[in-house]
Amino acid sequence: MKIEILPLIISLVPAILIALLSIYFFKAHTDNEEKRRRFLLHRENKKQALPLKLQAYERMVLLLERISPGNLLIRISPLGEDKKDYESLLTSTIDQEFEHNLTQQIYISDECWNTIKAAKNATIALIRRNTLKEEIDSANKMREVILTELVEKGAPSDAALAFIKEEISAVF
């Protein structure tokens, strides 16, 4: 019994080609379905994350408003005449406000978070710088000097507020 190889090859080549094409199209189809599933999941996650992101931006605006020296000095009166005690009270209040909102950084951009941290640090530096001035001898005098300086130069948090507004407008 002699087996003819040529007819066998002629019959197997189309079958092998069809099998390879089937595998290729099946792989392409499953890859496409995976991409589609990821896209739908990503779209659904974005829908759910947007309110959280907006809430984080709202909380950051509230933080910046609360630590703005003008608002802070009006809200927190000196407990005595010692300017060091008043500085300590103000900086601890700023730190508490900031720590209360630390978790919000996961919803905002790194650049925005760094701008907010810079505003916080600049506000603390403004308070400390005025505490070190020898011509300021009381907490109330320090309060007046800082408020006067704010009228002339503006609050350190103003730049961060403007940045947040820009970033939110980019979302919409």
C-alpha atoms as a PDB file:
ATOM      1  CA  MET A   1       0.000   0.000   0.000  1.00  0.00           C
ATOM      2  CA  LYS A   2       1.527   3.142  -1.183  1.00  0.00           C
ATOM      3  CA  ILE A   3       0.387   6.435   0.372  1.00  0.00           C
ATOM      4  CA  GLU A   4       0.368   9.323  -1.948  1.00  0.00           C
ATOM      5  CA  ILE A   5       1.772  12.337  -0.105  1.00  0.00           C
ATOM      6  CA  LEU A   6       0.825  14.997  -2.606  1.00  0.00           C
ATOM      7  CA  PRO A   7      -2.966  14.541  -2.324  1.00  0.00           C
ATOM      8  CA  LEU A   8      -2.573  14.362   1.477  1.00  0.00           C
ATOM      9  CA  ILE A   9      -0.661  17.673   1.537  1.00  0.00           C
ATOM     10  CA  ILE A  10      -3.181  19.241  -0.834  1.00  0.00           C
ATOM     11  CA  SER A  11      -5.979  18.266   1.574  1.00  0.00           C
ATOM     12  CA  LEU A  12      -4.165  19.285   4.786  1.00  0.00           C
ATOM     13  CA  VAL A  13      -2.856  22.717   3.693  1.00  0.00           C
ATOM     14  CA  PRO A  14      -6.330  24.329   3.377  1.00  0.00           C
ATOM     15  CA  ALA A  15      -7.413  22.739   6.664  1.00  0.00           C
ATOM     16  CA  ILE A  16      -4.303  24.082   8.435  1.00  0.00           C
ATOM     17  CA  LEU A  17      -4.790  27.541   6.873  1.00  0.00           C
ATOM     18  CA  ILE A  18      -8.426  27.632   7.948  1.00  0.00           C
ATOM     19  CA  ALA A  19      -7.440  26.553  11.480  1.00  0.00           C
ATOM     20  CA  LEU A  20      -4.758  29.280  11.673  1.00  0.00           C
ATOM     21  CA  LEU A  21      -7.155  31.924  10.350  1.00  0.00           C
ATOM     22  CA  SER A  22      -9.786  30.809  12.853  1.00  0.00           C
ATOM     23  CA  ILE A  23      -7.285  31.089  15.713  1.00  0.00           C
ATOM     24  CA  TYR A  24      -6.184  34.536  14.492  1.00  0.00           C
ATOM     25  CA  PHE A  25      -9.752  35.860  14.232  1.00  0.00           C
ATOM     26  CA  PHE A  26     -10.729  34.327  17.567  1.00  0.00           C
ATOM     27  CA  LYS A  27      -7.713  36.001  19.241  1.00  0.00           C
ATOM     28  CA  ALA A  28      -8.535  39.340  17.564  1.00  0.00           C
ATOM     29  CA  HIS A  29     -12.161  39.034  18.679  1.00  0.00           C
ATOM     30  CA  THR A  30     -11.276  38.240  22.303  1.00  0.00           C
ATOM     31  CA  ASP A  31      -8.740  41.113  22.397  1.00  0.00           C
ATOM     32  CA  ASN A  32     -11.369  43.480  21.022  1.00  0.00           C
ATOM     33  CA  GLU A  33     -13.920  42.319  23.587  1.00  0.00           C
ATOM     34  CA  GLU A  34     -11.374  42.823  26.382  1.00  0.00           C
ATOM     35  CA  LYS A  35     -10.665  46.385  25.191  1.00  0.00           C
ATOM     36  CA  ARG A  36     -14.388  47.086  24.954  1.00  0.00           C
ATOM     37  CA  ARG A  37     -14.964  45.763  28.469  1.00  0.00           C
ATOM     38  CA  ARG A  38     -12.112  47.902  29.837  1.00  0.00           C
ATOM     39  CA  PHE A  39     -13.462  50.964  28.046  1.00  0.00           C
ATOM     40  CA  LEU A  40     -16.947  50.460  29.506  1.00  0.00           C
ATOM     41  CA  LEU A  41     -15.485  49.897  32.973  1.00  0.00           C
ATOM     42  CA  HIS A  42     -13.314  53.007  32.652  1.00  0.00           C
ATOM     43  CA  ARG A  43     -16.296  55.070  31.499  1.00  0.00           C
ATOM     44  CA  GLU A  44     -18.398  53.848  34.428  1.00  0.00           C
ATOM     45  CA  ASN A  45     -15.587  54.581  36.885  1.00  0.00           C
ATOM     46  CA  LYS A  46     -15.246  58.101  35.486  1.00  0.00           C
ATOM     47  CA  LYS A  47     -18.966  58.698  36.031  1.00  0.00           C
ATOM     48  CA  GLN A  48     -18.627  57.628  39.656  1.00  0.00           C
ATOM     49  CA  ALA A  49     -15.325  59.447  40.267  1.00  0.00           C
ATOM     50  CA  LEU A  50     -16.408  62.844  38.928  1.00  0.00           C
ATOM     51  CA  PRO A  51     -18.587  63.740  41.938  1.00  0.00           C
ATOM     52  CA  LEU A  52     -15.765  62.670  44.274  1.00  0.00           C
ATOM     53  CA  LYS A  53     -13.280  64.774  42.329  1.00  0.00           C
ATOM     54  CA  LEU A  54     -15.531  67.806  42.435  1.00  0.00           C
ATOM     55  CA  GLN A  55     -16.101  67.305  46.144  1.00  0.00           C
ATOM     56  CA  ALA A  56     -12.326  67.164  46.664  1.00  0.00           C
ATOM     57  CA  TYR A  57     -11.893  70.433  44.780  1.00  0.00           C
ATOM     58  CA  GLU A  58     -14.668  71.989  46.866  1.00  0.00           C
ATOM     59  CA  ARG A  59     -12.943  70.879  50.048  1.00  0.00           C
ATOM     60  CA  MET A  60      -9.626  72.263  48.827  1.00  0.00           C
ATOM     61  CA  VAL A  61     -11.265  75.621  48.090  1.00  0.00           C
ATOM     62  CA  LEU A  62     -12.794  75.572  51.563  1.00  0.00           C
ATOM     63  CA  LEU A  63      -9.382  74.722  53.055  1.00  0.00           C
ATOM     64  CA  LEU A  64      -7.725  77.590  51.215  1.00  0.00           C
ATOM     65  CA  GLU A  65     -10.448  79.991  52.303  1.00  0.00           C
ATOM     66  CA  ARG A  66     -10.173  78.844  55.911  1.00  0.00           C
ATOM     67  CA  ILE A  67      -6.371  79.199  56.021  1.00  0.00           C
ATOM     68  CA  SER A  68      -6.347  82.481  54.125  1.00  0.00           C
ATOM     69  CA  PRO A  69      -4.759  84.924  56.584  1.00  0.00           C
ATOM     70  CA  GLY A  70      -7.598  87.422  56.249  1.00  0.00           C
ATOM     71  CA  ASN A  71     -10.246  84.869  57.179  1.00  0.00           C
ATOM     72  CA  LEU A  72      -8.034  83.111  59.703  1.00  0.00           C
ATOM     73  CA  LEU A  73      -7.148  86.263  61.629  1.00  0.00           C
ATOM     74  CA  ILE A  74     -10.770  87.369  61.768  1.00  0.00           C
ATOM     75  CA  ARG A  75     -12.000  83.933  62.831  1.00  0.00           C
ATOM     76  CA  ILE A  76      -9.287  83.330  65.451  1.00  0.00           C
ATOM     77  CA  SER A  77      -8.723  86.123  67.913  1.00  0.00           C
ATOM     78  CA  PRO A  78      -5.647  86.244  70.119  1.00  0.00           C
ATOM     79  CA  LEU A  79      -6.140  84.667  73.534  1.00  0.00           C
ATOM     80  CA  GLY A  80      -3.670  87.068  75.104  1.00  0.00           C
ATOM     81  CA  GLU A  81      -1.090  89.672  74.159  1.00  0.00           C
ATOM     82  CA  ASP A  82       1.821  87.290  73.489  1.00  0.00           C
ATOM     83  CA  LYS A  83       2.531  87.198  69.758  1.00  0.00           C
ATOM     84  CA  LYS A  84       4.357  83.832  69.999  1.00  0.00           C
ATOM     85  CA  ASP A  85       1.281  82.199  71.521  1.00  0.00           C
ATOM     86  CA  TYR A  86      -0.874  83.704  68.788  1.00  0.00           C
ATOM     87  CA  GLU A  87       1.538  82.466  66.118  1.00  0.00           C
ATOM     88  CA  SER A  88       1.403  78.993  67.631  1.00  0.00           C
ATOM     89  CA  LEU A  89      -2.402  79.071  67.703  1.00  0.00           C
ATOM     90  CA  LEU A  90      -2.619  80.202  64.074  1.00  0.00           C
ATOM     91  CA  THR A  91      -0.068  77.709  62.724  1.00  0.00           C
ATOM     92  CA  SER A  92      -1.601  74.808  64.634  1.00  0.00           C
ATOM     93  CA  THR A  93      -5.022  75.761  63.247  1.00  0.00           C
ATOM     94  CA  ILE A  94      -3.600  75.820  59.708  1.00  0.00           C
ATOM     95  CA  ASP A  95      -1.933  72.443  60.246  1.00  0.00           C
ATOM     96  CA  GLN A  96      -5.155  70.939  61.624  1.00  0.00           C
ATOM     97  CA  GLU A  97      -7.168  72.226  58.671  1.00  0.00           C
ATOM     98  CA  PHE A  98      -4.577  70.838  56.279  1.00  0.00           C
ATOM     99  CA  GLU A  99      -4.350  67.436  57.982  1.00  0.00           C
ATOM    100  CA  HIS A 100      -8.129  67.174  57.977  1.00  0.00           C
ATOM    101  CA  ASN A 101      -8.045  67.339  54.168  1.00  0.00           C
ATOM    102  CA  LEU A 102      -4.977  65.201  53.422  1.00  0.00           C
ATOM    103  CA  THR A 103      -6.992  62.378  51.873  1.00  0.00           C
ATOM    104  CA  GLN A 104      -8.383  64.661  49.184  1.00  0.00           C
ATOM    105  CA  GLN A 105      -5.038  64.657  47.391  1.00  0.00           C
ATOM    106  CA  ILE A 106      -5.887  61.348  45.714  1.00  0.00           C
ATOM    107  CA  TYR A 107      -8.650  63.052  43.722  1.00  0.00           C
ATOM    108  CA  ILE A 108      -6.708  66.094  42.509  1.00  0.00           C
ATOM    109  CA  SER A 109      -3.616  66.467  40.347  1.00  0.00           C
ATOM    110  CA  ASP A 110      -0.142  66.483  41.875  1.00  0.00           C
ATOM    111  CA  GLU A 111       0.440  69.980  40.559  1.00  0.00           C
ATOM    112  CA  CYS A 112      -2.723  71.227  42.241  1.00  0.00           C
ATOM    113  CA  TRP A 113      -1.796  69.519  45.509  1.00  0.00           C
ATOM    114  CA  ASN A 114       1.690  71.047  45.406  1.00  0.00           C
ATOM    115  CA  THR A 115       0.173  74.484  44.791  1.00  0.00           C
ATOM    116  CA  ILE A 116      -2.091  74.042  47.814  1.00  0.00           C
ATOM    117  CA  LYS A 117       0.845  72.932  49.974  1.00  0.00           C
ATOM    118  CA  ALA A 118       2.843  75.947  48.795  1.00  0.00           C
ATOM    119  CA  ALA A 119      -0.045  78.260  49.754  1.00  0.00           C
ATOM    120  CA  LYS A 120      -0.239  76.665  53.191  1.00  0.00           C
ATOM    121  CA  ASN A 121       3.514  76.990  53.716  1.00  0.00           C
ATOM    122  CA  ALA A 122       3.525  80.585  52.467  1.00  0.00           C
ATOM    123  CA  THR A 123       0.734  81.460  54.893  1.00  0.00           C
ATOM    124  CA  ILE A 124       2.659  79.951  57.802  1.00  0.00           C
ATOM    125  CA  ALA A 125       5.817  81.763  56.652  1.00  0.00           C
ATOM    126  CA  LEU A 126       3.894  85.061  56.522  1.00  0.00           C
ATOM    127  CA  ILE A 127       2.718  84.584  60.095  1.00  0.00           C
ATOM    128  CA  ARG A 128       6.173  83.549  61.350  1.00  0.00           C
ATOM    129  CA  ARG A 129       7.901  86.381  59.512  1.00  0.00           C
ATOM    130  CA  ASN A 130       5.660  88.922  61.222  1.00  0.00           C
ATOM    131  CA  THR A 131       6.152  87.254  64.597  1.00  0.00           C
ATOM    132  CA  LEU A 132       9.899  87.816  64.283  1.00  0.00           C
ATOM    133  CA  LYS A 133       9.572  91.548  63.656  1.00  0.00           C
ATOM    134  CA  GLU A 134      10.772  93.398  66.738  1.00  0.00           C
ATOM    135  CA  GLU A 135       8.544  96.426  66.161  1.00  0.00           C
ATOM    136  CA  ILE A 136       5.519  94.177  66.645  1.00  0.00           C
ATOM    137  CA  ASP A 137       5.108  93.813  70.395  1.00  0.00           C
ATOM    138  CA  SER A 138       1.667  92.206  70.771  1.00  0.00           C
ATOM    139  CA  ALA A 139      -0.637  89.687  69.150  1.00  0.00           C
ATOM    140  CA  ASN A 140      -3.143  92.377  68.182  1.00  0.00           C
ATOM    141  CA  LYS A 141      -0.428  94.491  66.569  1.00  0.00           C
ATOM    142  CA  MET A 142       0.764  91.423  64.621  1.00  0.00           C
ATOM    143  CA  ARG A 143      -2.794  90.825  63.489  1.00  0.00           C
ATOM    144  CA  GLU A 144      -3.079  94.421  62.223  1.00  0.00           C
ATOM    145  CA  VAL A 145       0.254  94.256  60.390  1.00  0.00           C
ATOM    146  CA  ILE A 146      -0.634  90.988  58.643  1.00  0.00           C
ATOM    147  CA  LEU A 147      -4.066  92.283  57.602  1.00  0.00           C
ATOM    148  CA  THR A 148      -2.480  95.472  56.238  1.00  0.00           C
ATOM    149  CA  GLU A 149       0.080  93.411  54.331  1.00  0.00           C
ATOM    150  CA  LEU A 150      -2.726  91.308  52.841  1.00  0.00           C
ATOM    151  CA  VAL A 151      -4.491  94.394  51.546  1.00  0.00           C
ATOM    152  CA  GLU A 152      -1.290  95.486  49.813  1.00  0.00           C
ATOM    153  CA  LYS A 153      -0.018  92.134  48.492  1.00  0.00           C
ATOM    154  CA  GLY A 154      -2.913  89.695  48.549  1.00  0.00           C
ATOM    155  CA  ALA A 155      -3.195  86.336  50.274  1.00  0.00           C
ATOM    156  CA  PRO A 156      -0.813  83.451  49.527  1.00  0.00           C
ATOM    157  CA  SER A 157      -3.827  81.233  48.885  1.00  0.00           C
ATOM    158  CA  ASP A 158      -5.080  83.396  45.994  1.00  0.00           C
ATOM    159  CA  ALA A 159      -2.752  81.712  43.481  1.00  0.00           C
ATOM    160  CA  ALA A 160      -3.843  78.252  44.610  1.00  0.00           C
ATOM    161  CA  LEU A 161      -7.515  79.225  44.327  1.00  0.00           C
ATOM    162  CA  ALA A 162      -6.933  80.488  40.790  1.00  0.00           C
ATOM    163  CA  PHE A 163      -5.145  77.238  39.928  1.00  0.00           C
ATOM    164  CA  ILE A 164      -8.049  75.145  41.227  1.00  0.00           C
ATOM    165  CA  LYS A 165     -10.521  77.196  39.190  1.00  0.00           C
ATOM    166  CA  GLU A 166      -8.417  76.662  36.061  1.00  0.00           C
ATOM    167  CA  GLU A 167      -8.175  72.943  36.680  1.00  0.00           C
ATOM    168  CA  ILE A 168     -11.920  72.580  37.228  1.00  0.00           C
ATOM    169  CA  SER A 169     -12.689  74.588  34.095  1.00  0.00           C
ATOM    170  CA  ALA A 170     -10.486  72.152  32.158  1.00  0.00           C
ATOM    171  CA  VAL A 171     -12.712  69.285  33.368  1.00  0.00           C
ATOM    172  CA  PHE A 172     -15.808  70.962  31.937  1.00  0.00           C
END
